[in-house]
């Protein structure tokens, strides 16, 4: 039972922000050294990629919806 629609663009954006947070947390915890400006391209790039994935997903959903409306439905009963 789905509680909501799956949105892959939001998933990609969330994973990129989570990845940037892990890099910053690892730097703050002393596990590795990462320059401060690493998070900016990671977040911006992930958001842009998430937007592109969201646009592709919206186009696919729109085409599936319109293709399903054009087909005549046959009742098997």
Protein backbone atom coordinates (compact mmCIF):
# COMPACT_ATOMS: atom_id res chain seq x y z
CA UNK A 1 0.00 0.00 0.00
CA UNK A 2 1.59 3.22 -1.16
CA UNK A 3 1.14 6.20 1.10
CA UNK A 4 2.36 8.63 -1.56
CA UNK A 5 3.81 8.71 -5.05
CA UNK A 6 7.45 7.84 -5.55
CA UNK A 7 9.38 10.95 -6.61
CA UNK A 8 12.87 10.01 -7.84
CA UNK A 9 13.96 13.65 -8.22
CA UNK A 10 13.45 14.26 -4.54
CA UNK A 11 15.33 11.06 -3.76
CA UNK A 12 18.35 12.18 -5.81
CA UNK A 13 18.34 15.64 -4.22
CA UNK A 14 18.03 14.19 -0.72
CA UNK A 15 20.84 11.70 -1.25
CA UNK A 16 23.15 14.45 -2.52
CA UNK A 17 22.43 16.67 0.49
CA UNK A 18 22.90 13.67 2.79
CA UNK A 19 26.22 12.91 1.10
CA UNK A 20 27.42 16.48 1.62
CA UNK A 21 26.36 16.25 5.27
CA UNK A 22 28.35 13.03 5.71
CA UNK A 23 31.44 14.66 4.18
CA UNK A 24 31.12 17.67 6.48
CA UNK A 25 30.47 15.48 9.53
CA UNK A 26 33.50 13.34 8.73
CA UNK A 27 35.61 16.47 8.46
CA UNK A 28 34.26 17.83 11.73
CA UNK A 29 34.84 14.50 13.46
CA UNK A 30 38.43 14.35 12.30
CA UNK A 31 38.04 11.25 10.10
CA UNK A 32 39.35 13.09 7.03
CA UNK A 33 40.08 16.59 5.77
CA UNK A 34 37.72 18.16 3.28
CA UNK A 35 37.95 21.79 2.13
CA UNK A 36 35.01 23.95 3.18
CA UNK A 37 33.95 24.56 -0.41
CA UNK A 38 33.39 20.88 -1.24
CA UNK A 39 29.83 20.94 0.09
CA UNK A 40 28.67 23.76 -2.20
CA UNK A 41 29.20 21.98 -5.56
CA UNK A 42 27.94 18.70 -4.12
CA UNK A 43 24.66 20.23 -2.95
CA UNK A 44 24.14 22.45 -6.00
CA UNK A 45 25.03 19.64 -8.41
CA UNK A 46 22.73 17.22 -6.59
CA UNK A 47 19.86 19.70 -6.63
CA UNK A 48 20.34 20.32 -10.36
CA UNK A 49 20.49 16.59 -11.04
CA UNK A 50 17.39 16.09 -8.90
CA UNK A 51 15.60 18.76 -10.92
CA UNK A 52 16.50 17.08 -14.20
CA UNK A 53 15.36 13.69 -12.87
CA UNK A 54 12.13 15.31 -11.64
CA UNK A 55 11.45 16.86 -15.05
CA UNK A 56 12.05 13.53 -16.79
CA UNK A 57 9.79 11.79 -14.27
CA UNK A 58 7.04 14.37 -14.82
CA UNK A 59 7.29 13.97 -18.58
CA UNK A 60 7.07 10.18 -18.34
CA UNK A 61 4.11 10.35 -15.96
CA UNK A 62 2.30 12.84 -18.21
CA UNK A 63 2.85 10.70 -21.30
CA UNK A 64 1.68 7.55 -19.53
CA UNK A 65 -1.42 9.32 -18.28
CA UNK A 66 -2.31 10.71 -21.71
CA UNK A 67 -1.58 7.41 -23.46
CA UNK A 68 -3.86 5.59 -21.02
CA UNK A 69 -6.69 8.08 -21.63
CA UNK A 70 -6.55 7.61 -25.42
CA UNK A 71 -6.91 3.85 -25.34
CA UNK A 72 -10.46 2.57 -25.33
CA UNK A 73 -11.10 0.47 -22.28
CA UNK A 74 -12.69 -2.88 -22.89
CA UNK A 75 -14.75 -4.44 -20.18
CA UNK A 76 -13.98 -8.17 -19.94
CA UNK A 77 -17.32 -8.92 -18.29
